[in-house]
């Protein structure tokens, strides 16, 4: 009987030892795995944020600064793709000040100053008309001055009509020029912006600008 008790006592002690060791092992594994799982979750969240940022940047690049400022884009690549498919890249003429001529590089010498072209996107089908509207409606911005002077120096000037007849772009203006302002030679540079924008189109061989029924260029 005593031997049996001794055997049972030995088994009980071994069971307790095994139980304690098992618990310690489980605790050790939990301590090791738990922070690792949290780290994996944090990495996954960060990766998702990076993917969303890339999609947003793609939209912004496709839509242009003006559209982004207005919030006219959705945070998905398909919207940006649709926008690009429904618009056309064009060149519009802006004025380059003396301080910016070395930065800009290639410029066109016109009466009273220098002109250069920058790219933007406009919708069709009246692409020339919409390119000029972008200038008149102050949708064109530059990193240099004076840039697009039509809306800022001649706010009363309006674009009434645009036609292309036998290669001649006929542009009809309303309102009036504000005359000489800040040494920008009155209407000369604004007329140059309109003319040089129209001349970028392959369908245009010459440009005629009319105001009040009279040709002014």
Protein backbone atom coordinates (compact mmCIF):
# COMPACT_ATOMS: atom_id res chain seq x y z
CA UNK A 1 0.00 0.00 0.00
CA UNK A 2 2.82 2.38 0.85
CA UNK A 3 4.46 1.62 -2.48
CA UNK A 4 1.27 2.51 -4.29
CA UNK A 5 1.05 5.82 -2.41
CA UNK A 6 4.67 6.57 -3.27
CA UNK A 7 4.02 5.82 -6.93
CA UNK A 8 0.91 8.04 -6.99
CA UNK A 9 2.81 10.83 -5.26
CA UNK A 10 5.61 10.60 -7.82
CA UNK A 11 3.13 10.70 -10.71
CA UNK A 12 1.36 13.74 -9.19
CA UNK A 13 4.66 15.62 -8.81
CA UNK A 14 5.60 14.82 -12.42
CA UNK A 15 2.18 15.98 -13.63
CA UNK A 16 2.55 19.26 -11.77
CA UNK A 17 6.01 19.81 -13.21
CA UNK A 18 4.80 19.02 -16.73
CA UNK A 19 1.82 21.38 -16.30
CA UNK A 20 3.98 24.23 -15.06
CA UNK A 21 6.50 23.74 -17.88
CA UNK A 22 3.66 23.67 -20.45
CA UNK A 23 2.19 26.89 -19.08
CA UNK A 24 5.59 28.58 -19.17
CA UNK A 25 6.08 27.45 -22.78
CA UNK A 26 2.65 28.82 -23.79
CA UNK A 27 3.36 32.14 -22.08
CA UNK A 28 6.73 32.40 -23.82
CA UNK A 29 5.18 31.69 -27.23
CA UNK A 30 2.42 34.25 -26.62
CA UNK A 31 4.92 36.93 -25.65
CA UNK A 32 6.91 36.22 -28.82
CA UNK A 33 3.99 35.96 -31.29
CA UNK A 34 1.75 38.77 -30.00
CA UNK A 35 4.04 41.74 -30.76
CA UNK A 36 4.98 40.15 -34.08
CA UNK A 37 1.32 39.94 -35.09
CA UNK A 38 0.81 43.59 -34.15
CA UNK A 39 3.88 44.52 -36.21
CA UNK A 40 2.46 42.62 -39.22
CA UNK A 41 -0.85 44.49 -38.88
CA UNK A 42 0.97 47.84 -38.71
CA UNK A 43 3.00 46.96 -41.81
CA UNK A 44 -0.17 45.96 -43.68
CA UNK A 45 -1.91 49.23 -42.73
CA UNK A 46 1.12 51.24 -43.83
CA UNK A 47 1.27 49.38 -47.15
CA UNK A 48 -2.44 50.10 -47.77
CA UNK A 49 -1.89 53.79 -47.04
CA UNK A 50 1.01 53.84 -49.49
CA UNK A 51 -1.17 52.25 -52.20
CA UNK A 52 -3.90 54.84 -51.59
CA UNK A 53 -1.30 57.64 -51.75
CA UNK A 54 -0.01 56.38 -55.11
CA UNK A 55 -3.57 56.30 -56.48
CA UNK A 56 -4.20 59.83 -55.23
CA UNK A 57 -0.92 61.13 -56.69
CA UNK A 58 -1.79 59.51 -60.02
CA UNK A 59 -5.11 61.33 -60.02
CA UNK A 60 -3.49 64.63 -59.14
CA UNK A 61 -0.87 64.30 -61.85
CA UNK A 62 -3.50 63.42 -64.45
CA UNK A 63 -5.98 66.09 -63.45
CA UNK A 64 -3.57 68.97 -63.07
CA UNK A 65 -3.14 71.44 -60.22
CA UNK A 66 -6.20 73.50 -61.04
CA UNK A 67 -8.61 70.56 -60.96
CA UNK A 68 -7.08 69.21 -57.76
CA UNK A 69 -7.46 72.60 -56.06
CA UNK A 70 -11.16 72.52 -56.93
CA UNK A 71 -11.49 68.91 -55.79
CA UNK A 72 -12.63 67.85 -59.24
CA UNK A 73 -11.27 64.32 -59.06
CA UNK A 74 -12.05 61.06 -57.33
CA UNK A 75 -9.49 59.09 -55.43
CA UNK A 76 -9.19 56.25 -57.94
CA UNK A 77 -7.06 55.65 -61.01
CA UNK A 78 -10.04 54.96 -63.31
CA UNK A 79 -11.36 58.52 -62.83
CA UNK A 80 -7.98 59.97 -63.75
CA UNK A 81 -7.82 57.73 -66.82
CA UNK A 82 -11.31 58.81 -67.91
CA UNK A 83 -10.34 62.46 -67.51
CA UNK A 84 -7.24 62.05 -69.68
CA UNK A 85 -9.22 60.16 -72.35
CA UNK A 86 -11.83 62.95 -72.52
CA UNK A 87 -9.36 65.81 -72.80
CA UNK A 88 -6.50 66.82 -75.05
CA UNK A 89 -3.08 68.19 -74.19
CA UNK A 90 -2.51 71.62 -75.73
CA UNK A 91 0.01 74.44 -75.54
CA UNK A 92 -0.97 77.94 -74.50
CA UNK A 93 1.17 81.07 -74.67
CA UNK A 94 2.13 83.06 -71.58
CA UNK A 95 4.35 86.09 -70.97
CA UNK A 96 7.88 85.69 -69.59
CA UNK A 97 9.33 88.53 -67.53
CA UNK A 98 13.00 89.49 -67.79
CA UNK A 99 13.84 87.81 -64.48
CA UNK A 100 12.41 84.47 -65.65
CA UNK A 101 13.84 84.32 -69.18
CA UNK A 102 16.95 82.38 -68.16
CA UNK A 103 14.87 79.91 -66.10
CA UNK A 104 12.26 79.29 -68.80
CA UNK A 105 14.70 78.71 -71.64
CA UNK A 106 13.17 78.81 -75.13
CA UNK A 107 11.06 81.91 -75.68
CA UNK A 108 9.50 83.70 -78.65
CA UNK A 109 10.40 87.34 -79.08
CA UNK A 110 7.34 89.48 -79.75
CA UNK A 111 6.58 93.17 -79.72
CA UNK A 112 7.29 94.43 -76.20
CA UNK A 113 8.44 91.18 -74.61
CA UNK A 114 8.90 87.43 -74.59
CA UNK A 115 6.37 84.61 -74.93
CA UNK A 116 6.69 80.92 -74.08
CA UNK A 117 4.33 77.95 -74.21
CA UNK A 118 3.15 75.76 -71.35
CA UNK A 119 1.03 72.62 -71.59
CA UNK A 120 -2.44 72.11 -70.17
CA UNK A 121 -5.44 69.88 -70.86
CA UNK A 122 -8.77 71.02 -72.33
CA UNK A 123 -11.89 69.22 -73.46
CA UNK A 124 -13.09 68.94 -77.05
CA UNK A 125 -14.36 69.16 -79.63
CA UNK A 126 -13.71 72.95 -79.82
CA UNK A 127 -10.12 72.57 -78.60
CA UNK A 128 -8.82 75.93 -79.88
CA UNK A 129 -11.79 77.77 -78.37
CA UNK A 130 -11.36 76.00 -75.04
CA UNK A 131 -7.61 76.67 -75.05
CA UNK A 132 -8.28 80.40 -75.41
CA UNK A 133 -11.06 80.22 -72.82
CA UNK A 134 -8.57 78.74 -70.37
CA UNK A 135 -6.51 81.93 -70.79
CA UNK A 136 -9.45 84.33 -70.53
CA UNK A 137 -11.03 82.52 -67.56
CA UNK A 138 -7.78 82.54 -65.58
CA UNK A 139 -7.37 78.75 -65.56
CA UNK A 140 -3.69 78.94 -66.50
CA UNK A 141 -1.07 79.43 -63.80
CA UNK A 142 2.72 79.60 -64.06
CA UNK A 143 5.69 79.42 -61.70
CA UNK A 144 7.02 82.69 -63.10
CA UNK A 145 5.76 86.23 -63.66
CA UNK A 146 3.93 87.84 -65.27
CA UNK A 147 2.55 84.62 -66.87
CA UNK A 148 -1.03 84.84 -68.11
CA UNK A 149 -1.77 88.59 -68.23
CA UNK A 150 -5.12 88.47 -70.08
CA UNK A 151 -7.43 88.08 -67.04
CA UNK A 152 -5.25 90.01 -64.60
CA UNK A 153 -4.32 93.05 -66.72
CA UNK A 154 -7.33 93.07 -69.07
CA UNK A 155 -10.27 91.82 -66.97
CA UNK A 156 -12.84 93.60 -69.18
CA UNK A 157 -11.68 91.76 -72.30
CA UNK A 158 -13.91 88.88 -73.43
CA UNK A 159 -13.65 86.05 -75.94
CA UNK A 160 -16.78 86.24 -78.12
CA UNK A 161 -16.15 83.79 -80.96
CA UNK A 162 -13.49 81.63 -82.61
CA UNK A 163 -13.58 80.32 -86.18
CA UNK A 164 -11.13 78.57 -88.46
CA UNK A 165 -11.73 79.28 -92.14
CA UNK A 166 -9.33 77.91 -94.78
CA UNK A 167 -6.51 77.73 -92.24
CA UNK A 168 -7.17 81.22 -90.87
CA UNK A 169 -8.08 81.41 -87.20
CA UNK A 170 -10.48 84.32 -86.75
CA UNK A 171 -10.80 85.36 -83.13
CA UNK A 172 -13.45 87.87 -82.11
CA UNK A 173 -13.03 89.84 -78.89
CA UNK A 174 -15.49 91.88 -76.86
CA UNK A 175 -15.01 94.39 -74.09
CA UNK A 176 -11.81 96.37 -74.11
CA UNK A 177 -8.11 96.33 -73.25
CA UNK A 178 -7.06 98.30 -70.19
CA UNK A 179 -4.26 100.12 -72.00
CA UNK A 180 -0.65 100.25 -70.84
CA UNK A 181 -0.19 98.81 -67.38
CA UNK A 182 3.01 98.12 -65.47
CA UNK A 183 5.06 98.52 -68.65
CA UNK A 184 3.33 95.65 -70.45
CA UNK A 185 2.74 97.75 -73.56
CA UNK A 186 -1.03 97.83 -73.51
CA UNK A 187 -2.66 95.23 -75.74
CA UNK A 188 0.50 93.97 -77.46
CA UNK A 189 1.39 91.09 -75.14
CA UNK A 190 -2.22 89.96 -74.68
CA UNK A 191 -2.62 89.85 -78.48
CA UNK A 192 0.65 87.90 -78.66
CA UNK A 193 -0.68 85.36 -76.15
CA UNK A 194 -3.81 84.82 -78.25
CA UNK A 195 -1.91 84.68 -81.54
CA UNK A 196 0.84 82.31 -80.37
CA UNK A 197 -1.68 79.99 -78.73
CA UNK A 198 -3.70 79.72 -81.96
CA UNK A 199 -0.56 79.12 -84.03
CA UNK A 200 0.25 75.92 -82.12
CA UNK A 201 -2.63 74.17 -83.91
CA UNK A 202 -1.73 72.34 -87.12
CA UNK A 203 -5.01 73.46 -88.72
CA UNK A 204 -4.04 77.13 -88.30
CA UNK A 205 -1.73 78.84 -90.80
CA UNK A 206 -2.46 82.45 -89.81
CA UNK A 207 -4.37 84.37 -87.14
CA UNK A 208 -6.71 87.35 -87.38
CA UNK A 209 -8.01 89.08 -84.26
CA UNK A 210 -11.08 91.33 -84.38
CA UNK A 211 -12.50 93.72 -81.83
CA UNK A 212 -15.60 95.82 -82.39
CA UNK A 213 -15.79 94.58 -85.98
CA UNK A 214 -12.24 95.79 -86.76
CA UNK A 215 -9.11 93.72 -87.33
CA UNK A 216 -6.55 94.72 -84.70
CA UNK A 217 -3.48 92.62 -85.55
